[in-house]
Amino acid sequence: IIVPWTSDVYAVLMDSKMLSSFNRILPALPIDDEHSVALPPEMVACSGNAGVHDLQVSQVPIESMNILSKPQKIFKFDFFKPITANETTLTQLEATEDGEGNVLCVYWTLDMDQDGETVVSCAPEFVEPTPWRDHWMQAVYHLKSPTRVCKGDEIELVSKHDQYSMWFDIHRSGSPYDVDSLQMPACTCGLHGVASRTRLYAMNDSKRWAKYMKILTGIKKDANILYIGDTSLLPLAAAKMGANKVFCIEESALPYSVMNQMIRHNKLEDTVILLKKLNKDLITGPIDFVISEPYFRDSSYPWDGIRLWYLASELAPNATIYPGKMRILGVPMEFDNLHKIRAPLEQVEGFDVSSFDKLIESASKRSDAEVDVQPMFEYPGKLLSLPQCLLELTLSGEPPEKPLQSSGKFTTNSHGAFHGVVLWAEWDFGCELISTGLEDGEKLFDMGSRQGVYFIKESCNVAPQETLTYEVTFSPQVGTFSFTFKHQQPDVS
């Protein structure tokens, strides 16, 4: 007996510019009506890498996806037989809507027994209602050749897999196509090797880009600028907007090559000076402004951009810094499902698994960080209060020597289960705010950032007008933050 017995893999063709933004960079980003920062054609055309883009597709706003086909089975795996290491299938799809087929939503079902009586499905909600899962979820595959289709068109889906990966392409049925020529995607431009999918989405974010352009208009022309951060288009925009010199630093070979390609493509070699080392002596002339998104590719938390402060005070201590302030914001939440990744099991199908819970809790204390990192747009829930600023830092001068503390309280405004606090950073540029979490009036967390999540050890129910206290400590010697959140029991006397 083998459990599971078999697995079927399904694919749905979709048109989603939003999902494509996680994989392909836009051809150009506008500065004004006449000027823009252009991306090299090889970066725009690059299909990316073979790494699966796994996410909770059910939580992607349905209005941002145009579903172009019904689900079709593309692979079947019989676990009681040797599995073919390399397989190609051809599947006929009929377009159900007009659109550009640019992504596939791929999921699988498991037949747990030989009779098909117990089936586990990972289908997204728009296919069929399924229980929430986080260890198994859907995958998005970005197609090599996005193709325009009209309702009723016959499309052939070419699906391939080896022992580790799957890859796909589509073409019109009946048109010539060399199936053997379809190779596993591999980045040829370098950009996908230095920018994560989340980072690519942020670079493509037109709303955020428009804010940066407004910020740059406030910087005087002919200024000398130091850009601090990794792989950004802001140095190029600053140069095109009249800066005298823009210095930026890329210490690793591949990021240096990618940035150099973008500088050369925009013919900015004389204005944007790309350095290979964090060395003050390589920066010629006084620096008037330090600018940053901020973004560092090895950051974990949204507030890790605080590194900007340390580098600016070392490399350009007399310059004006943009952003000038950083705030850490938070909001207590009742999660629909996310809390389950830390919650004890207690009872499973009548079995007491408390010993297992204790083992996991002990391991978690030793190895898990105080604050988890999650893309919160994938994990909905209910806000239990208004978002609140927990700590504000002014990024001028040198970082302090002694720890800074801030404390306060949230006042709940609804009934719910208090599972944890979502945390993010807000960067204040004076004329604009760049948020890595919720913005005023927005209900969806920023997709171009990941947020911090502090899970409460023992969740509790709250009612309106109850108090949740917080304490935040900034340790400047190591540049880290620690958090404490507690539910203050209401006075029932």
Protein backbone atom coordinates (compact mmCIF):
# COMPACT_ATOMS: atom_id res chain seq x y z
CA ILE A 1 0.00 0.00 0.00
CA ILE A 2 1.34 3.41 -0.99
CA VAL A 3 -0.12 6.63 0.41
CA PRO A 4 -0.72 8.74 -1.59
CA TRP A 5 -1.49 6.45 -4.54
CA THR A 6 -1.44 8.88 -7.47
CA SER A 7 -1.24 12.60 -8.21
CA ASP A 8 -2.74 14.66 -11.04
CA VAL A 9 -1.24 18.03 -11.98
CA TYR A 10 -3.49 20.71 -13.51
CA ALA A 11 -2.83 24.03 -15.24
CA VAL A 12 -4.98 27.12 -15.84
CA LEU A 13 -3.92 29.72 -18.43
CA MET A 14 -4.21 33.30 -17.19
CA ASP A 15 -3.54 36.89 -18.20
CA SER A 16 -2.17 38.85 -15.25
CA LYS A 17 0.03 41.90 -15.59
CA MET A 18 0.24 41.99 -11.81
CA LEU A 19 1.68 38.47 -11.56
CA SER A 20 3.96 39.11 -14.55
CA SER A 21 5.38 42.07 -12.59
CA PHE A 22 7.01 39.53 -10.28
CA ASN A 23 9.04 38.16 -13.21
CA ARG A 24 9.58 40.66 -16.05
CA ILE A 25 10.86 44.22 -15.77
CA LEU A 26 9.01 46.98 -17.63
CA PRO A 27 10.70 48.38 -20.78
CA ALA A 28 10.85 51.89 -19.32
CA LEU A 29 9.78 53.92 -16.29
CA PRO A 30 8.74 57.54 -16.92
CA ILE A 31 10.46 60.55 -15.39
CA ASP A 32 8.19 63.12 -17.04
CA ASP A 33 6.28 63.46 -20.31
CA GLU A 34 9.49 63.48 -22.35
CA HIS A 35 12.07 61.47 -20.41
CA SER A 36 12.29 57.99 -18.95
CA VAL A 37 14.70 55.40 -17.60
CA ALA A 38 14.93 52.63 -20.19
CA LEU A 39 15.83 49.01 -19.49
CA PRO A 40 18.13 47.04 -21.82
CA PRO A 41 16.12 44.89 -24.29
CA GLU A 42 17.83 41.71 -23.06
CA MET A 43 16.47 42.38 -19.55
CA VAL A 44 12.96 43.14 -20.80
CA ALA A 45 12.87 40.00 -22.96
CA CYS A 46 14.49 37.64 -20.43
CA SER A 47 12.08 34.90 -19.31
CA GLY A 48 13.68 34.65 -15.87
CA ASN A 49 14.76 31.49 -14.11
CA ALA A 50 13.21 28.09 -13.46
CA GLY A 51 12.52 28.70 -9.78
CA VAL A 52 8.88 28.08 -8.98
CA HIS A 53 6.82 31.13 -8.00
CA ASP A 54 4.77 29.60 -5.19
CA LEU A 55 2.10 31.73 -3.58
CA GLN A 56 -1.46 31.67 -2.31
CA VAL A 57 -3.11 32.38 -5.68
CA SER A 58 -6.51 32.46 -3.97
CA GLN A 59 -5.44 35.69 -2.23
CA VAL A 60 -4.37 37.49 -5.41
CA PRO A 61 -7.08 40.09 -6.17
CA ILE A 62 -9.40 38.35 -8.63
CA GLU A 63 -9.77 41.56 -10.65
CA SER A 64 -6.03 41.42 -11.43
CA MET A 65 -6.35 37.99 -13.10
CA ASN A 66 -8.12 37.26 -16.37
CA ILE A 67 -8.68 33.49 -16.43
CA LEU A 68 -8.30 32.30 -20.02
CA SER A 69 -8.98 28.56 -19.80
CA LYS A 70 -10.58 25.82 -17.78
CA PRO A 71 -8.23 23.64 -15.68
CA GLN A 72 -6.62 20.89 -17.76
CA LYS A 73 -4.65 17.88 -16.51
CA ILE A 74 -1.06 18.03 -17.74
CA PHE A 75 0.75 15.31 -15.75
CA LYS A 76 -0.18 12.16 -13.84
CA PHE A 77 2.22 10.57 -11.37
CA ASP A 78 1.62 6.96 -10.30
CA PHE A 79 3.63 6.49 -7.13
CA PHE A 80 3.39 2.72 -7.37
CA LYS A 81 5.38 2.87 -10.63
CA PRO A 82 8.83 4.26 -11.44
CA ILE A 83 8.39 7.97 -12.23
CA THR A 84 9.70 9.18 -15.57
CA ALA A 85 12.53 11.61 -14.89
CA ASN A 86 11.98 13.57 -18.11
CA GLU A 87 8.51 13.91 -19.59
CA THR A 88 6.81 16.12 -22.18
CA THR A 89 3.05 16.44 -22.63
CA LEU A 90 0.97 18.38 -25.15
CA THR A 91 -2.40 19.63 -23.91
CA GLN A 92 -5.13 21.36 -25.91
CA LEU A 93 -6.69 24.43 -24.30
CA GLU A 94 -9.64 26.45 -25.53
CA ALA A 95 -9.48 30.14 -24.69
CA THR A 96 -12.53 31.13 -22.63
CA GLU A 97 -11.76 34.88 -22.77
CA ASP A 98 -9.73 37.37 -24.79
CA GLY A 99 -6.33 38.24 -23.33
CA GLU A 100 -2.59 37.63 -23.30
CA GLY A 101 -1.64 34.20 -22.01
CA ASN A 102 1.40 35.06 -19.89
CA VAL A 103 1.18 32.92 -16.74
CA LEU A 104 -0.01 29.48 -15.70
CA CYS A 105 -1.55 28.64 -12.36
CA VAL A 106 -0.43 25.08 -11.60
CA TYR A 107 -1.77 22.88 -8.81
CA TRP A 108 -2.19 19.20 -8.03
CA THR A 109 -4.58 16.73 -6.46
CA LEU A 110 -3.59 13.64 -4.48
CA ASP A 111 -5.55 10.41 -4.62
CA MET A 112 -4.84 9.03 -1.16
CA ASP A 113 -6.24 5.55 -1.90
CA GLN A 114 -6.66 3.27 -4.90
CA ASP A 115 -10.41 3.85 -5.11
CA GLY A 116 -10.36 7.65 -5.33
CA GLU A 117 -12.55 8.02 -2.24
CA THR A 118 -10.14 10.38 -0.45
CA VAL A 119 -8.72 13.17 -2.60
CA VAL A 120 -6.64 16.10 -1.36
CA SER A 121 -6.81 19.13 -3.66
CA CYS A 122 -4.61 22.22 -3.79
CA ALA A 123 -6.85 24.01 -6.30
CA PRO A 124 -7.26 27.79 -5.92
CA GLU A 125 -10.60 29.15 -4.79
CA PHE A 126 -11.62 30.25 -8.29
CA VAL A 127 -11.52 26.57 -9.35
CA GLU A 128 -13.14 24.97 -6.29
CA PRO A 129 -13.41 25.61 -2.54
CA THR A 130 -10.49 23.96 -0.74
CA PRO A 131 -9.25 24.00 2.87
CA TRP A 132 -6.44 26.43 3.68
CA ARG A 133 -2.93 25.02 3.38
CA ASP A 134 0.46 26.67 3.58
CA HIS A 135 2.81 23.71 3.22
CA TRP A 136 1.13 22.92 -0.12
CA MET A 137 -0.02 25.79 -2.29
CA GLN A 138 -0.40 26.77 -5.90
CA ALA A 139 2.46 27.74 -8.18
CA VAL A 140 2.66 30.38 -10.88
CA TYR A 141 4.82 29.65 -13.91
CA HIS A 142 5.76 32.54 -16.17
CA LEU A 143 5.56 31.57 -19.83
CA LYS A 144 8.50 31.95 -22.15
CA SER A 145 6.36 33.28 -25.02
CA PRO A 146 3.30 35.27 -23.87
CA THR A 147 0.67 34.90 -26.60
CA ARG A 148 -2.39 36.99 -27.43
CA VAL A 149 -5.54 34.83 -27.63
CA CYS A 150 -9.19 35.40 -28.47
CA LYS A 151 -12.15 33.59 -27.01
CA GLY A 152 -12.56 30.24 -28.76
CA ASP A 153 -8.94 29.99 -29.95
CA GLU A 154 -7.31 26.56 -29.73
CA ILE A 155 -4.02 26.75 -27.83
CA GLU A 156 -1.47 24.00 -27.31
CA LEU A 157 0.26 23.92 -23.94
CA VAL A 158 3.71 22.32 -23.94
CA SER A 159 4.59 20.99 -20.47
CA LYS A 160 7.93 19.52 -19.44
CA HIS A 161 9.47 18.28 -16.22
CA ASP A 162 12.65 16.65 -14.98
CA GLN A 163 13.37 15.32 -11.49
CA TYR A 164 13.18 18.76 -9.89
CA SER A 165 11.46 21.34 -12.07
CA MET A 166 8.59 22.02 -14.46
CA TRP A 167 8.53 24.48 -17.35
CA PHE A 168 6.01 25.44 -20.00
CA ASP A 169 5.21 27.31 -23.19
CA ILE A 170 2.13 27.89 -25.35
CA HIS A 171 1.49 28.36 -29.06
CA ARG A 172 -1.51 28.34 -31.36
CA SER A 173 -2.66 24.83 -32.21
CA GLY A 174 -1.57 23.81 -35.70
CA SER A 175 1.24 26.36 -35.93
CA PRO A 176 4.81 25.04 -36.35
CA TYR A 177 6.55 24.46 -33.01
CA ASP A 178 9.73 22.59 -32.17
CA VAL A 179 8.91 20.88 -28.87
CA ASP A 180 12.51 19.74 -28.39
CA SER A 181 13.70 23.35 -28.49
CA LEU A 182 11.86 24.23 -25.27
CA GLN A 183 14.56 24.24 -22.62
CA MET A 184 14.35 24.98 -18.92
CA PRO A 185 14.27 28.76 -18.37
CA ALA A 186 17.53 30.34 -17.31
CA CYS A 187 18.22 34.02 -16.72
CA THR A 188 20.54 35.38 -19.41
CA CYS A 189 20.42 39.06 -18.44
CA GLY A 190 21.66 38.90 -14.84
CA LEU A 191 18.78 40.89 -13.36
CA HIS A 192 16.91 37.80 -12.12
CA GLY A 193 20.09 36.71 -10.38
CA VAL A 194 20.26 39.85 -8.24
CA ALA A 195 16.57 40.75 -7.79
CA SER A 196 14.03 38.52 -6.05
CA ARG A 197 10.48 38.28 -7.35
CA THR A 198 9.33 40.65 -4.59
CA ARG A 199 12.05 43.12 -5.58
CA LEU A 200 11.07 42.96 -9.27
CA TYR A 201 7.49 43.76 -8.32
CA ALA A 202 8.68 46.78 -6.32
CA MET A 203 10.80 48.00 -9.26
CA ASN A 204 7.73 47.72 -11.53
CA ASP A 205 5.41 49.50 -9.07
CA SER A 206 4.29 52.61 -10.99
CA LYS A 207 2.66 54.21 -7.94
CA ARG A 208 5.84 53.92 -5.88
CA TRP A 209 7.97 55.09 -8.82
CA ALA A 210 5.82 58.22 -9.24
CA LYS A 211 6.47 59.07 -5.59
CA TYR A 212 10.22 58.71 -6.09
CA MET A 213 10.08 61.04 -9.10
CA LYS A 214 8.28 63.67 -7.01
CA ILE A 215 10.96 63.29 -4.33
CA LEU A 216 13.79 63.74 -6.86
CA THR A 217 12.26 66.95 -8.22
CA GLY A 218 12.98 68.50 -4.81
CA ILE A 219 16.73 67.91 -5.16
CA LYS A 220 18.59 70.82 -6.70
CA LYS A 221 20.11 70.39 -10.14
CA ASP A 222 23.89 70.06 -10.49
CA ALA A 223 24.05 68.41 -7.06
CA ASN A 224 26.49 65.64 -6.19
CA ILE A 225 24.52 62.63 -5.00
CA LEU A 226 25.49 59.41 -3.27
CA TYR A 227 23.00 56.60 -3.77
CA ILE A 228 23.11 53.98 -1.00
CA GLY A 229 21.45 50.62 -1.67
CA ASP A 230 21.39 47.76 -4.15
CA THR A 231 20.28 47.51 -7.81
CA SER A 232 18.02 50.52 -8.22
CA LEU A 233 16.86 52.74 -11.06
CA LEU A 234 16.86 55.86 -8.86
CA PRO A 235 20.52 56.78 -9.60
CA LEU A 236 19.70 56.79 -13.32
CA ALA A 237 16.60 58.92 -12.80
CA ALA A 238 18.55 61.39 -10.63
CA ALA A 239 21.19 61.70 -13.36
CA LYS A 240 18.59 62.33 -16.06
CA MET A 241 16.95 64.98 -13.86
CA GLY A 242 20.10 67.11 -13.80
CA ALA A 243 22.44 65.83 -11.09
CA ASN A 244 26.11 66.67 -11.60
CA LYS A 245 27.41 63.29 -10.38
CA VAL A 246 25.64 60.29 -8.90
CA PHE A 247 27.82 57.78 -7.08
CA CYS A 248 26.49 54.29 -6.41
CA ILE A 249 28.18 51.19 -5.06
CA GLU A 250 27.91 47.53 -6.08
CA GLU A 251 30.57 45.38 -4.42
CA SER A 252 29.67 42.01 -5.99
CA ALA A 253 30.45 41.09 -9.60
CA LEU A 254 26.96 40.20 -10.89
CA PRO A 255 25.12 43.21 -9.38
CA TYR A 256 27.92 45.44 -10.67
CA SER A 257 27.49 44.01 -14.17
CA VAL A 258 23.69 44.45 -14.10
CA MET A 259 23.92 48.05 -12.90
CA ASN A 260 26.62 48.80 -15.46
CA GLN A 261 24.40 47.47 -18.27
CA MET A 262 21.58 49.80 -17.22
CA ILE A 263 23.90 52.81 -16.95
CA ARG A 264 25.38 52.19 -20.41
CA HIS A 265 22.00 51.59 -22.02
CA ASN A 266 20.88 55.02 -20.80
CA LYS A 267 24.22 56.61 -21.88
CA LEU A 268 24.94 57.88 -18.38
CA GLU A 269 28.52 56.67 -17.95
CA ASP A 270 29.79 60.23 -17.44
CA THR A 271 27.23 61.07 -14.75
CA VAL A 272 26.55 57.85 -12.84
CA ILE A 273 29.81 56.68 -11.27
CA LEU A 274 29.65 53.01 -10.32
CA LEU A 275 32.06 52.02 -7.55
CA LYS A 276 33.15 48.51 -6.57
CA LYS A 277 33.99 49.28 -2.94
CA LEU A 278 32.48 51.05 0.05
CA ASN A 279 35.40 53.45 0.23
CA LYS A 280 35.01 57.15 1.04
CA ASP A 281 38.24 57.95 -0.79
CA LEU A 282 36.71 56.84 -4.11
CA ILE A 283 33.98 59.49 -3.86
CA THR A 284 35.28 62.70 -5.40
CA GLY A 285 33.97 66.10 -4.40
CA PRO A 286 31.58 66.99 -1.57
CA ILE A 287 28.29 65.06 -1.49
CA ASP A 288 25.21 67.27 -1.26
CA PHE A 289 22.56 64.57 -0.93
CA VAL A 290 22.35 60.91 0.02
CA ILE A 291 19.34 59.16 -1.49
CA SER A 292 18.07 55.63 -1.00
CA GLU A 293 14.84 53.70 -1.56
CA PRO A 294 16.17 52.10 0.75
CA TYR A 295 16.71 48.51 -0.42
CA PHE A 296 19.44 45.98 0.36
CA ARG A 297 19.16 42.53 -1.18
CA ASP A 298 20.33 40.70 1.94
CA SER A 299 17.73 42.40 4.17
CA SER A 300 15.17 40.28 6.00
CA TYR A 301 12.91 42.82 7.68
CA PRO A 302 11.36 45.95 6.15
CA TRP A 303 13.24 48.14 8.66
CA ASP A 304 16.64 46.66 7.76
CA GLY A 305 17.04 49.61 5.41
CA ILE A 306 18.22 51.43 8.55
CA ARG A 307 21.67 50.40 7.29
CA LEU A 308 21.39 53.55 5.16
CA TRP A 309 21.89 55.66 8.31
CA TYR A 310 25.16 53.96 9.25
CA LEU A 311 26.62 54.11 5.74
CA ALA A 312 25.57 57.73 5.18
CA SER A 313 27.16 58.89 8.44
CA GLU A 314 30.40 57.18 7.40
CA LEU A 315 30.56 58.09 3.70
CA ALA A 316 28.84 61.50 3.56
CA PRO A 317 28.41 62.86 7.11
CA ASN A 318 27.53 66.41 5.98
CA ALA A 319 24.98 65.51 3.30
CA THR A 320 21.20 65.80 3.49
CA ILE A 321 19.66 62.33 3.68
CA TYR A 322 16.57 61.19 1.80
CA PRO A 323 14.65 59.61 3.52
CA GLY A 324 15.14 61.75 6.60
CA LYS A 325 13.07 59.63 8.97
CA MET A 326 12.02 56.03 9.49
CA ARG A 327 9.00 54.89 11.43
CA ILE A 328 8.08 51.39 12.50
CA LEU A 329 4.33 50.89 12.36
CA GLY A 330 2.22 48.02 13.57
CA VAL A 331 -1.32 46.77 13.82
CA PRO A 332 -2.76 43.90 15.93
CA MET A 333 -4.64 41.34 13.86
CA GLU A 334 -6.86 38.32 13.92
CA PHE A 335 -5.52 36.12 11.12
CA ASP A 336 -7.80 33.95 9.04
CA ASN A 337 -5.20 31.18 8.95
CA LEU A 338 -1.62 32.44 9.30
CA HIS A 339 -1.50 31.85 13.07
CA LYS A 340 -1.77 28.11 12.41
CA ILE A 341 1.90 27.94 11.40
CA ARG A 342 2.80 28.59 15.06
CA ALA A 343 -0.27 27.26 16.90
CA PRO A 344 -0.08 23.93 18.82
CA LEU A 345 -2.02 20.97 17.40
CA GLU A 346 -3.26 19.59 20.77
CA GLN A 347 -5.69 17.00 19.34
CA VAL A 348 -5.64 15.40 15.86
CA GLU A 349 -8.35 12.90 14.90
CA GLY A 350 -8.80 12.04 18.58
CA PHE A 351 -5.08 11.58 19.25
CA ASP A 352 -3.32 13.61 21.94
CA VAL A 353 -0.23 15.15 20.29
CA SER A 354 0.72 17.51 23.12
CA SER A 355 4.14 15.84 23.44
CA PHE A 356 4.80 16.71 19.81
CA ASP A 357 3.65 20.29 20.50
CA LYS A 358 6.18 20.58 23.34
CA LEU A 359 8.96 19.27 21.10
CA ILE A 360 8.14 21.81 18.38
CA GLU A 361 7.82 24.65 20.91
CA SER A 362 11.23 23.82 22.37
CA ALA A 363 12.84 23.77 18.92
CA SER A 364 11.08 27.02 17.99
CA LYS A 365 12.46 28.82 21.05
CA ARG A 366 15.98 27.82 20.06
CA SER A 367 15.83 28.52 16.34
CA ASP A 368 12.93 30.81 15.33
CA ALA A 369 13.36 34.57 15.25
CA GLU A 370 11.20 36.75 17.49
CA VAL A 371 9.57 38.26 14.40
CA ASP A 372 8.67 36.18 11.35
CA VAL A 373 8.67 37.60 7.80
CA GLN A 374 5.65 37.05 5.55
CA PRO A 375 4.10 38.52 2.37
CA MET A 376 0.95 39.61 4.18
CA PHE A 377 -1.12 40.19 1.04
CA GLU A 378 -1.28 36.37 0.88
CA TYR A 379 -2.58 36.02 4.44
CA PRO A 380 -5.79 37.96 5.11
CA GLY A 381 -7.29 38.73 8.47
CA LYS A 382 -9.04 41.42 10.47
CA LEU A 383 -7.41 44.54 11.90
CA LEU A 384 -8.20 44.83 15.61
CA SER A 385 -7.24 48.51 15.86
CA LEU A 386 -5.95 51.35 13.73
CA PRO A 387 -2.30 51.08 12.60
CA GLN A 388 0.02 52.99 14.91
CA CYS A 389 3.57 54.35 14.90
CA LEU A 390 5.63 52.42 17.46
CA LEU A 391 8.99 54.15 17.02
CA GLU A 392 10.38 57.03 14.95
CA LEU A 393 14.04 57.63 14.12
CA THR A 394 15.54 60.75 12.55
CA LEU A 395 18.32 59.63 10.22
CA SER A 396 20.61 62.67 10.47
CA GLY A 397 23.99 62.70 12.17
CA GLU A 398 25.44 59.54 13.63
CA PRO A 399 23.34 56.73 15.12
CA PRO A 400 23.12 56.97 18.93
CA GLU A 401 25.40 54.96 21.17
CA LYS A 402 22.78 53.89 23.72
CA PRO A 403 19.59 51.87 23.10
CA LEU A 404 16.36 53.75 22.42
CA GLN A 405 13.03 52.58 23.79
CA SER A 406 9.45 53.41 22.98
CA SER A 407 6.29 52.13 24.62
CA GLY A 408 2.58 52.71 24.26
CA LYS A 409 -0.70 50.99 23.61
CA PHE A 410 -3.21 50.01 20.96
CA THR A 411 -6.90 50.43 21.73
CA THR A 412 -8.96 47.72 20.05
CA ASN A 413 -11.95 48.72 17.93
CA SER A 414 -13.59 45.34 17.26
CA HIS A 415 -14.19 41.87 18.61
CA GLY A 416 -11.74 39.19 17.53
CA ALA A 417 -8.98 36.76 18.40
CA PHE A 418 -5.65 38.50 19.00
CA HIS A 419 -3.16 36.32 17.11
CA GLY A 420 -0.29 38.71 16.48
CA VAL A 421 0.99 42.08 15.32
CA VAL A 422 1.99 42.90 11.75
CA LEU A 423 4.97 45.28 11.55
CA TRP A 424 6.44 47.37 8.75
CA ALA A 425 8.60 50.41 8.03
CA GLU A 426 7.57 53.79 6.66
CA TRP A 427 10.22 55.99 5.07
CA ASP A 428 9.62 59.74 5.31
CA PHE A 429 11.11 61.76 2.43
CA GLY A 430 9.40 65.00 3.49
CA CYS A 431 7.12 65.46 0.50
CA GLU A 432 6.24 61.75 0.24
CA LEU A 433 5.97 58.64 2.40
CA ILE A 434 7.06 55.22 1.14
CA SER A 435 5.30 52.45 3.06
CA THR A 436 6.29 48.80 3.15
CA GLY A 437 2.99 47.80 4.74
CA LEU A 438 -0.42 49.45 4.81
CA GLU A 439 -0.90 52.95 3.45
CA ASP A 440 -3.71 55.27 4.51
CA GLY A 441 -6.93 54.04 2.96
CA GLU A 442 -5.36 50.85 1.63
CA LYS A 443 -6.67 47.44 2.67
CA LEU A 444 -4.01 45.34 0.94
CA PHE A 445 -0.47 45.08 2.29
CA ASP A 446 2.32 46.24 -0.02
CA MET A 447 3.18 43.46 -2.47
CA GLY A 448 6.66 44.84 -3.14
CA SER A 449 7.76 44.18 0.45
CA ARG A 450 7.47 41.49 3.07
CA GLN A 451 6.18 42.44 6.48
CA GLY A 452 7.23 41.39 9.96
CA VAL A 453 4.82 39.26 12.01
CA TYR A 454 5.04 38.95 15.80
CA PHE A 455 2.97 35.94 16.89
CA ILE A 456 1.43 36.06 20.35
CA LYS A 457 2.39 32.93 22.27
CA GLU A 458 -1.14 32.38 23.56
CA SER A 459 -3.85 34.02 21.48
CA CYS A 460 -6.79 35.57 23.30
CA ASN A 461 -10.16 37.09 22.48
CA VAL A 462 -10.54 40.85 22.68
CA ALA A 463 -13.46 43.26 22.60
CA PRO A 464 -13.65 46.95 21.62
CA GLN A 465 -11.85 49.45 23.88
CA GLU A 466 -9.43 46.91 25.31
CA THR A 467 -5.72 47.67 25.63
CA LEU A 468 -2.78 45.96 23.95
CA THR A 469 0.57 47.30 25.16
CA TYR A 470 3.83 47.41 23.23
CA GLU A 471 7.49 48.09 23.89
CA VAL A 472 10.11 48.55 21.17
CA THR A 473 13.87 48.69 21.75
CA PHE A 474 16.38 49.85 19.14
CA SER A 475 19.93 48.58 19.77
CA PRO A 476 22.13 50.91 17.69
CA GLN A 477 25.35 48.99 18.27
CA VAL A 478 24.00 46.14 16.14
CA GLY A 479 21.19 47.98 14.31
CA THR A 480 18.40 45.66 15.46
CA PHE A 481 14.95 46.06 17.01
CA SER A 482 13.19 43.95 19.62
CA PHE A 483 9.48 43.94 20.39
CA THR A 484 7.13 42.99 23.22
CA PHE A 485 3.34 42.94 22.94
CA LYS A 486 0.85 42.06 25.67
CA HIS A 487 -2.90 42.00 26.18
CA GLN A 488 -3.83 44.04 29.23
CA GLN A 489 -6.68 42.27 30.95
CA PRO A 490 -9.76 44.52 31.28
CA ASP A 491 -10.79 45.66 34.74
CA VAL A 492 -13.99 43.76 35.57
CA SER A 493 -14.47 45.29 39.02
